[in-house]
């Protein structure tokens, strides 16, 4: 390991033109990589400062009702209050840019712009460092298109590989250790080392407490990413960042579109950090034992329907007052054993776990149309093995259990 400005980074080496040895221990930027990590970017927009919809009178009303004022502030300790300096220097360091270049290009060796940069990576790394150090970086224009994901039509926003996606990786590599300390264990969206199946295991573990998980409150936030308030997001970031140069760089990205555009690599992190203190409020101030979040989908388990209704009202007030967000009107409170908890692609009961019907239908359709590869079959098997799918695995995977 080598130390840079007091920051520890993975040492990188290897030949830039080597066709093997791809990995965190090497900087082989001409490698073909099978680790596909598609990053799709954002929308082109001229953004005015967002106006809060909350009047002082309304805020005062909700604060008095919900207890989010001084009498019930989020519990914190001294370690949580630490603010970090010299972050921008670490972002701009050539070793950090080189590692970001390697990480951003994973699975994208066939992109024309990646091929072009791979011919002379040192040149572009130096140019990118100059853009950052001299504050000449400006967010690029976005390519906007629609894509169906999870059965929904979403507007996807894509940025160029150079310099934007590389810069996003530069920032996240520095900020990830700081941001990870803010996140509770029961949030799972795009967090390294904490995939969907980690969430599945934690939900299953919670359901062992049958008496404490008789009912489920399921809800989600209305138009979450487009509704993220830039001013509030920057205030949240400043809770950990005492570096105006770093805030300038993040501001260039944040203010480039309304809300936070779906698809940017860094948007996933902004989305999690925007709700990080809210997560602590739910767990610590509202004292909710069984709370789970994936992006803007929220699940709470309890033993009393009236208590869950009250928790929902507290959450709604907190979101309105503190984050300028609101819940959708389609929340549900129901007995777990009657309907099961539909979350993370599964339906959870106390006695068993099923894969969501849409995923099973999609798999069977691909099998019927002979559109599966070994890779896709392996991915589906990964889904099925975490649920009670004996017959499914026996029929399609010849699995002997």
Protein backbone atom coordinates (compact mmCIF):
# COMPACT_ATOMS: atom_id res chain seq x y z
CA UNK A 1 0.00 0.00 0.00
CA UNK A 2 1.17 3.53 -0.58
CA UNK A 3 0.04 6.65 1.22
CA UNK A 4 -1.11 9.72 -0.70
CA UNK A 5 -1.88 12.91 1.26
CA UNK A 6 -2.57 10.66 4.24
CA UNK A 7 -5.00 8.60 2.14
CA UNK A 8 -4.43 4.89 1.62
CA UNK A 9 -5.08 3.59 -1.88
CA UNK A 10 -4.54 0.24 -3.54
CA UNK A 11 -1.18 0.06 -5.28
CA UNK A 12 -1.54 -0.54 -8.98
CA UNK A 13 0.91 -1.88 -11.50
CA UNK A 14 1.28 -4.05 -14.57
CA UNK A 15 1.69 -3.25 -18.23
CA UNK A 16 -0.81 -0.85 -19.78
CA UNK A 17 -0.91 -3.01 -22.90
CA UNK A 18 -1.14 -6.32 -21.10
CA UNK A 19 -4.08 -8.50 -22.09
CA UNK A 20 -4.26 -10.33 -18.79
CA UNK A 21 -4.12 -9.76 -15.07
CA UNK A 22 -7.24 -7.60 -14.82
CA UNK A 23 -8.05 -6.75 -11.24
CA UNK A 24 -7.71 -4.26 -8.42
CA UNK A 25 -4.03 -5.11 -8.05
CA UNK A 26 -3.24 -4.14 -11.63
CA UNK A 27 -3.70 -1.17 -13.93
CA UNK A 28 -4.07 -3.02 -17.22
CA UNK A 29 -6.30 -0.52 -18.96
CA UNK A 30 -6.32 -2.38 -22.26
CA UNK A 31 -7.75 -5.54 -20.73
CA UNK A 32 -10.99 -7.05 -21.84
CA UNK A 33 -13.06 -7.51 -18.71
CA UNK A 34 -16.04 -9.73 -18.13
CA UNK A 35 -17.09 -7.70 -15.11
CA UNK A 36 -19.85 -5.65 -16.70
CA UNK A 37 -20.81 -2.59 -14.72
CA UNK A 38 -22.96 -0.47 -17.03
CA UNK A 39 -23.28 3.14 -15.99
CA UNK A 40 -25.95 5.09 -17.75
CA UNK A 41 -26.11 8.78 -17.30
CA UNK A 42 -28.35 11.77 -17.06
CA UNK A 43 -30.50 14.43 -18.71
CA UNK A 44 -29.61 17.78 -20.27
CA UNK A 45 -31.31 20.55 -18.39
CA UNK A 46 -30.83 24.15 -17.32
CA UNK A 47 -31.76 24.14 -13.67
CA UNK A 48 -32.96 26.99 -11.55
CA UNK A 49 -32.60 26.85 -7.78
CA UNK A 50 -35.41 24.62 -6.58
CA UNK A 51 -38.18 26.24 -4.60
CA UNK A 52 -39.33 24.45 -1.46
CA UNK A 53 -43.04 23.72 -1.42
CA UNK A 54 -43.10 24.01 2.37
CA UNK A 55 -44.16 27.31 3.88
CA UNK A 56 -42.80 28.30 7.32
CA UNK A 57 -46.27 27.81 8.80
CA UNK A 58 -46.59 24.32 7.34
CA UNK A 59 -43.11 23.36 8.49
CA UNK A 60 -43.89 24.58 12.01
CA UNK A 61 -47.12 22.61 12.02
CA UNK A 62 -45.46 19.36 10.98
CA UNK A 63 -42.52 19.88 13.32
CA UNK A 64 -44.85 20.24 16.29
CA UNK A 65 -46.82 17.15 15.27
CA UNK A 66 -43.95 14.85 14.36
CA UNK A 67 -41.39 15.74 16.98
CA UNK A 68 -38.63 16.32 14.43
CA UNK A 69 -37.64 19.55 16.15
CA UNK A 70 -35.21 20.04 19.00
CA UNK A 71 -37.03 17.71 21.38
CA UNK A 72 -36.50 14.68 19.12
CA UNK A 73 -33.39 15.35 17.12
CA UNK A 74 -31.56 12.47 15.51
CA UNK A 75 -29.32 10.76 18.00
CA UNK A 76 -25.66 11.09 17.05
CA UNK A 77 -22.28 10.54 18.64
CA UNK A 78 -19.06 12.53 18.36
CA UNK A 79 -17.63 10.25 15.65
CA UNK A 80 -20.67 10.93 13.47
CA UNK A 81 -20.00 14.67 13.60
CA UNK A 82 -16.48 14.52 12.14
CA UNK A 83 -16.06 16.57 8.94
CA UNK A 84 -13.30 15.71 6.48
CA UNK A 85 -10.82 18.03 4.78
CA UNK A 86 -8.35 17.72 1.87
CA UNK A 87 -10.72 15.46 -0.02
CA UNK A 88 -10.31 17.35 -3.30
CA UNK A 89 -6.56 16.74 -3.25
CA UNK A 90 -7.18 13.02 -3.02
CA UNK A 91 -9.70 13.13 -5.86
CA UNK A 92 -7.18 14.93 -8.08
CA UNK A 93 -4.22 12.69 -7.35
CA UNK A 94 -3.00 10.81 -10.42
CA UNK A 95 -3.14 7.42 -8.68
CA UNK A 96 -6.80 8.00 -7.86
CA UNK A 97 -7.57 9.07 -11.45
CA UNK A 98 -5.73 6.03 -12.84
CA UNK A 99 -7.71 3.68 -10.60
CA UNK A 100 -10.95 5.46 -11.53
CA UNK A 101 -10.08 5.05 -15.21
CA UNK A 102 -9.62 1.32 -14.68
CA UNK A 103 -12.87 0.96 -12.69
CA UNK A 104 -14.95 3.08 -15.08
CA UNK A 105 -13.91 1.05 -18.13
CA UNK A 106 -14.81 -2.38 -16.73
CA UNK A 107 -17.01 -4.17 -19.25
CA UNK A 108 -16.76 -1.28 -21.71
CA UNK A 109 -13.61 -2.15 -23.65
CA UNK A 110 -15.67 -2.26 -26.86
CA UNK A 111 -16.88 1.37 -26.52
CA UNK A 112 -15.29 3.53 -29.27
CA UNK A 113 -14.38 6.29 -26.80
CA UNK A 114 -12.78 3.74 -24.44
CA UNK A 115 -10.75 2.27 -27.32
CA UNK A 116 -9.60 5.77 -28.27
CA UNK A 117 -8.46 6.60 -24.74
CA UNK A 118 -6.82 3.21 -24.29
CA UNK A 119 -4.38 4.07 -27.09
CA UNK A 120 -2.79 6.74 -24.88
CA UNK A 121 -4.22 6.52 -21.33
CA UNK A 122 -1.45 8.61 -19.75
CA UNK A 123 -2.33 11.57 -21.96
CA UNK A 124 -5.99 11.53 -20.93
CA UNK A 125 -5.21 10.96 -17.26
CA UNK A 126 -2.99 14.07 -17.31
CA UNK A 127 -5.70 16.08 -19.10
CA UNK A 128 -8.31 15.00 -16.59
CA UNK A 129 -6.06 15.94 -13.69
CA UNK A 130 -5.59 19.38 -15.24
CA UNK A 131 -9.37 19.78 -15.63
CA UNK A 132 -9.85 19.07 -11.94
CA UNK A 133 -6.90 20.91 -10.40
CA UNK A 134 -7.59 24.09 -12.37
CA UNK A 135 -11.37 23.76 -11.97
CA UNK A 136 -12.01 23.70 -15.70
CA UNK A 137 -14.37 20.72 -15.49
CA UNK A 138 -17.95 21.31 -16.61
CA UNK A 139 -20.58 18.59 -16.66
CA UNK A 140 -21.11 17.26 -20.19
CA UNK A 141 -24.43 17.17 -22.03
CA UNK A 142 -26.63 14.17 -21.41
CA UNK A 143 -27.99 11.62 -23.83
CA UNK A 144 -31.59 10.93 -22.80
CA UNK A 145 -33.56 7.79 -23.70
CA UNK A 146 -36.23 5.47 -22.32
CA UNK A 147 -35.69 1.93 -21.11
CA UNK A 148 -37.97 -0.67 -19.55
CA UNK A 149 -36.57 -1.90 -16.24
CA UNK A 150 -38.48 -3.92 -13.68
CA UNK A 151 -41.62 -3.75 -15.77
CA UNK A 152 -41.55 0.08 -15.79
CA UNK A 153 -40.63 2.61 -18.44
CA UNK A 154 -37.85 4.82 -17.06
CA UNK A 155 -36.09 7.84 -18.48
CA UNK A 156 -32.37 7.06 -18.50
CA UNK A 157 -29.63 9.66 -18.74
CA UNK A 158 -26.18 8.85 -20.07
CA UNK A 159 -22.94 10.82 -19.79
CA UNK A 160 -19.75 10.41 -21.83
CA UNK A 161 -17.14 8.01 -20.51
CA UNK A 162 -14.53 10.78 -20.57
CA UNK A 163 -14.33 12.85 -18.47
CA UNK A 164 -17.63 12.50 -16.58
CA UNK A 165 -17.87 8.82 -15.69
CA UNK A 166 -14.21 8.68 -14.73
CA UNK A 167 -14.65 11.73 -12.47
CA UNK A 168 -17.65 10.10 -10.79
CA UNK A 169 -15.45 7.14 -9.91
CA UNK A 170 -12.73 9.52 -8.69
CA UNK A 171 -15.19 11.04 -6.21
CA UNK A 172 -16.75 7.78 -5.04
CA UNK A 173 -13.36 6.13 -4.45
CA UNK A 174 -12.50 8.90 -1.99
CA UNK A 175 -15.93 9.30 -0.40
CA UNK A 176 -17.03 5.66 -0.18
CA UNK A 177 -15.32 4.88 3.19
CA UNK A 178 -16.87 8.03 4.68
CA UNK A 179 -20.33 7.44 3.27
CA UNK A 180 -20.36 3.74 4.18
CA UNK A 181 -20.10 4.70 7.85
CA UNK A 182 -23.37 6.65 7.51
CA UNK A 183 -25.44 3.80 6.09
CA UNK A 184 -27.41 1.43 8.30
CA UNK A 185 -27.06 -2.32 7.71
CA UNK A 186 -30.60 -2.64 6.40
CA UNK A 187 -30.27 -0.58 3.23
CA UNK A 188 -29.10 -2.54 0.21
CA UNK A 189 -29.28 -0.52 -3.00
CA UNK A 190 -26.01 -0.56 -5.01
CA UNK A 191 -23.78 -0.79 -1.94
CA UNK A 192 -20.53 -2.77 -2.40
CA UNK A 193 -20.48 -6.00 -0.46
CA UNK A 194 -24.16 -5.68 0.34
CA UNK A 195 -26.17 -7.15 -2.49
CA UNK A 196 -29.82 -8.07 -2.76
CA UNK A 197 -29.25 -11.47 -1.22
CA UNK A 198 -27.73 -9.92 1.87
CA UNK A 199 -31.05 -8.12 2.22
CA UNK A 200 -32.91 -11.38 1.63
CA UNK A 201 -31.04 -13.03 4.49
CA UNK A 202 -31.74 -10.12 6.85
CA UNK A 203 -35.47 -10.14 6.06
CA UNK A 204 -35.58 -13.90 6.63
CA UNK A 205 -33.79 -13.45 9.95
CA UNK A 206 -36.31 -10.80 11.04
CA UNK A 207 -39.22 -13.08 10.20
CA UNK A 208 -37.97 -15.65 12.70
CA UNK A 209 -39.52 -13.32 15.28
CA UNK A 210 -43.08 -14.28 14.40
CA UNK A 211 -44.71 -12.31 17.19
CA UNK A 212 -42.81 -9.14 16.30
CA UNK A 213 -43.44 -9.38 12.55
CA UNK A 214 -47.13 -10.19 12.23
CA UNK A 215 -47.86 -7.16 10.04
CA UNK A 216 -46.02 -5.39 7.21
CA UNK A 217 -46.07 -1.71 6.27
CA UNK A 218 -44.96 -1.33 2.65
CA UNK A 219 -44.56 2.08 1.02
CA UNK A 220 -42.38 4.02 -1.37
CA UNK A 221 -41.38 7.64 -1.95
CA UNK A 222 -43.14 9.58 -4.70
CA UNK A 223 -40.90 10.37 -7.71
CA UNK A 224 -37.82 9.98 -5.55
CA UNK A 225 -34.85 10.75 -7.78
CA UNK A 226 -36.49 13.62 -9.73
CA UNK A 227 -37.66 15.16 -6.41
CA UNK A 228 -34.30 15.31 -4.63
CA UNK A 229 -33.71 18.91 -3.52
CA UNK A 230 -30.24 20.16 -4.53
CA UNK A 231 -29.91 22.54 -1.60
CA UNK A 232 -30.84 19.88 0.95
CA UNK A 233 -28.53 17.34 -0.67
CA UNK A 234 -25.60 19.77 -0.45
CA UNK A 235 -26.39 20.49 3.20
CA UNK A 236 -26.37 16.74 3.91
CA UNK A 237 -23.05 16.32 2.10
CA UNK A 238 -21.56 19.18 4.12
CA UNK A 239 -22.25 17.26 7.31
CA UNK A 240 -19.22 15.15 6.34
CA UNK A 241 -17.32 17.43 3.97
CA UNK A 242 -15.31 20.45 5.13
CA UNK A 243 -13.72 21.13 1.76
CA UNK A 244 -15.17 23.83 -0.50
CA UNK A 245 -13.21 22.60 -3.53
CA UNK A 246 -14.85 19.19 -3.12
CA UNK A 247 -18.25 20.83 -2.76
CA UNK A 248 -17.59 22.82 -5.96
CA UNK A 249 -16.93 19.60 -7.88
CA UNK A 250 -20.02 17.87 -6.50
CA UNK A 251 -22.06 20.98 -7.19
CA UNK A 252 -21.08 20.87 -10.87
CA UNK A 253 -22.61 17.40 -11.06
CA UNK A 254 -25.61 17.98 -8.79
CA UNK A 255 -26.74 21.20 -10.50
CA UNK A 256 -26.46 19.78 -14.01
CA UNK A 257 -29.99 18.34 -13.99
CA UNK A 258 -33.27 18.57 -12.11
CA UNK A 259 -33.32 16.21 -9.16
CA UNK A 260 -30.77 13.43 -9.43
CA UNK A 261 -30.70 11.72 -12.85
CA UNK A 262 -31.22 7.96 -12.91
CA UNK A 263 -28.22 6.23 -14.41
CA UNK A 264 -25.21 8.25 -13.25
CA UNK A 265 -22.83 6.09 -11.23
CA UNK A 266 -22.64 8.74 -8.51
CA UNK A 267 -26.44 9.19 -8.48
CA UNK A 268 -26.78 5.84 -6.73
CA UNK A 269 -24.63 7.18 -3.90
CA UNK A 270 -26.38 10.56 -3.75
CA UNK A 271 -29.70 8.70 -3.51
CA UNK A 272 -28.49 6.63 -0.56
CA UNK A 273 -26.85 9.53 1.28
CA UNK A 274 -29.96 11.72 0.86
CA UNK A 275 -31.87 9.17 2.97
CA UNK A 276 -29.03 8.15 5.31
CA UNK A 277 -30.07 10.38 8.23
CA UNK A 278 -33.70 9.50 7.60
CA UNK A 279 -32.77 5.82 8.01
CA UNK A 280 -31.19 6.60 11.38
CA UNK A 281 -34.29 8.57 12.38
CA UNK A 282 -36.49 5.53 11.70
CA UNK A 283 -34.19 3.08 13.48
CA UNK A 284 -33.11 5.22 16.43
CA UNK A 285 -35.71 7.92 17.06
CA UNK A 286 -38.78 5.90 16.10
CA UNK A 287 -37.14 2.76 17.54
CA UNK A 288 -38.19 0.52 14.65
CA UNK A 289 -36.45 -2.86 14.89
CA UNK A 290 -37.43 -4.29 11.52
CA UNK A 291 -36.94 -1.60 8.87
CA UNK A 292 -35.55 -2.29 5.39
CA UNK A 293 -34.89 0.02 2.44
CA UNK A 294 -33.92 -0.61 -1.16
CA UNK A 295 -33.57 2.76 -2.93
CA UNK A 296 -36.99 4.39 -2.33
CA UNK A 297 -38.86 1.18 -1.39
CA UNK A 298 -39.49 0.95 2.36
CA UNK A 299 -40.61 -2.06 4.41
CA UNK A 300 -41.37 -2.08 8.15
CA UNK A 301 -42.47 -5.12 10.12
CA UNK A 302 -44.34 -4.97 13.45
CA UNK A 303 -46.90 -6.67 15.66
CA UNK A 304 -49.57 -3.96 15.68
CA UNK A 305 -51.43 -2.34 12.77
CA UNK A 306 -52.21 0.85 14.70
CA UNK A 307 -48.52 1.25 15.60
CA UNK A 308 -47.57 0.87 11.92
CA UNK A 309 -50.12 3.54 10.93
CA UNK A 310 -48.52 5.88 13.46
CA UNK A 311 -45.02 5.11 12.18
CA UNK A 312 -46.12 5.92 8.65
CA UNK A 313 -47.41 9.33 9.75
CA UNK A 314 -44.11 10.09 11.53
CA UNK A 315 -42.17 9.09 8.42
CA UNK A 316 -44.36 11.19 6.14
CA UNK A 317 -43.88 14.27 8.33
CA UNK A 318 -40.12 13.79 8.53
CA UNK A 319 -39.84 13.46 4.75
CA UNK A 320 -41.90 16.60 4.10
CA UNK A 321 -40.15 18.78 6.66
CA UNK A 322 -36.56 17.62 6.31
CA UNK A 323 -36.19 16.34 2.76
CA UNK A 324 -38.96 18.00 0.72
CA UNK A 325 -40.23 14.54 -0.23
CA UNK A 326 -43.54 12.74 0.20
CA UNK A 327 -44.82 9.17 0.23
CA UNK A 328 -46.97 7.74 -2.52
CA UNK A 329 -50.60 7.27 -1.59
CA UNK A 330 -50.49 3.52 -2.26
CA UNK A 331 -49.07 2.35 1.06
CA UNK A 332 -50.24 -1.02 2.38
CA UNK A 333 -50.50 -2.58 5.84
CA UNK A 334 -51.32 -6.28 5.82
CA UNK A 335 -50.75 -9.58 7.68
CA UNK A 336 -47.47 -11.18 6.60
CA UNK A 337 -48.87 -14.72 6.58
CA UNK A 338 -51.79 -13.76 4.33
CA UNK A 339 -50.00 -11.91 1.54
CA UNK A 340 -46.28 -12.22 2.14
CA UNK A 341 -43.79 -9.34 1.93
CA UNK A 342 -43.11 -8.48 -1.73
CA UNK A 343 -39.57 -7.06 -1.58
CA UNK A 344 -36.20 -7.46 -3.34
CA UNK A 345 -37.67 -9.74 -6.01
CA UNK A 346 -39.10 -12.22 -3.50
CA UNK A 347 -42.27 -12.81 -1.52
CA UNK A 348 -41.45 -13.56 2.12
CA UNK A 349 -43.61 -15.52 4.55
CA UNK A 350 -42.80 -16.78 8.02
CA UNK A 351 -42.68 -20.36 6.78
CA UNK A 352 -41.18 -20.03 3.28
CA UNK A 353 -39.87 -17.69 0.59
CA UNK A 354 -40.97 -17.51 -3.06
CA UNK A 355 -39.41 -15.82 -6.09
CA UNK A 356 -41.56 -13.01 -7.49
CA UNK A 357 -43.92 -14.37 -10.18
CA UNK A 358 -42.73 -11.90 -12.81
CA UNK A 359 -39.15 -13.19 -12.52
CA UNK A 360 -40.25 -16.83 -12.85
CA UNK A 361 -42.45 -16.03 -15.88
CA UNK A 362 -39.61 -14.14 -17.52
CA UNK A 363 -37.26 -17.08 -16.97
CA UNK A 364 -39.73 -19.63 -18.41
CA UNK A 365 -40.38 -17.41 -21.44
CA UNK A 366 -36.65 -17.18 -22.17
CA UNK A 367 -36.26 -20.95 -21.80
CA UNK A 368 -39.19 -21.53 -24.17
CA UNK A 369 -37.80 -19.10 -26.76
CA UNK A 370 -34.27 -20.49 -26.29
CA UNK A 371 -32.93 -17.07 -25.31
CA UNK A 372 -30.90 -18.10 -22.29
CA UNK A 373 -27.14 -18.42 -22.12
CA UNK A 374 -25.03 -20.11 -19.46
CA UNK A 375 -24.54 -16.69 -17.91
CA UNK A 376 -28.28 -15.87 -17.72
CA UNK A 377 -29.12 -19.36 -16.45
CA UNK A 378 -26.50 -18.95 -13.74
CA UNK A 379 -28.04 -15.59 -12.79
CA UNK A 380 -31.53 -17.09 -12.49
CA UNK A 381 -30.21 -20.03 -10.50
CA UNK A 382 -28.72 -17.46 -8.13
CA UNK A 383 -32.21 -16.02 -7.64
CA UNK A 384 -33.89 -19.39 -7.21
CA UNK A 385 -31.43 -20.90 -4.74
CA UNK A 386 -32.36 -18.28 -2.10
CA UNK A 387 -36.02 -19.31 -2.18
CA UNK A 388 -38.10 -22.45 -1.73
CA UNK A 389 -37.97 -23.49 -5.39
CA UNK A 390 -37.24 -27.22 -5.24
CA UNK A 391 -39.51 -28.18 -8.17
CA UNK A 392 -38.31 -25.30 -10.32
CA UNK A 393 -34.64 -26.11 -9.82
CA UNK A 394 -35.21 -29.83 -10.30
CA UNK A 395 -37.05 -29.29 -13.60
CA UNK A 396 -34.85 -26.65 -15.21
CA UNK A 397 -31.44 -27.23 -13.64
CA UNK A 398 -31.54 -30.99 -12.99
CA UNK A 399 -30.58 -30.20 -9.45
CA UNK A 400 -30.48 -33.07 -6.99
CA UNK A 401 -31.35 -31.66 -3.59
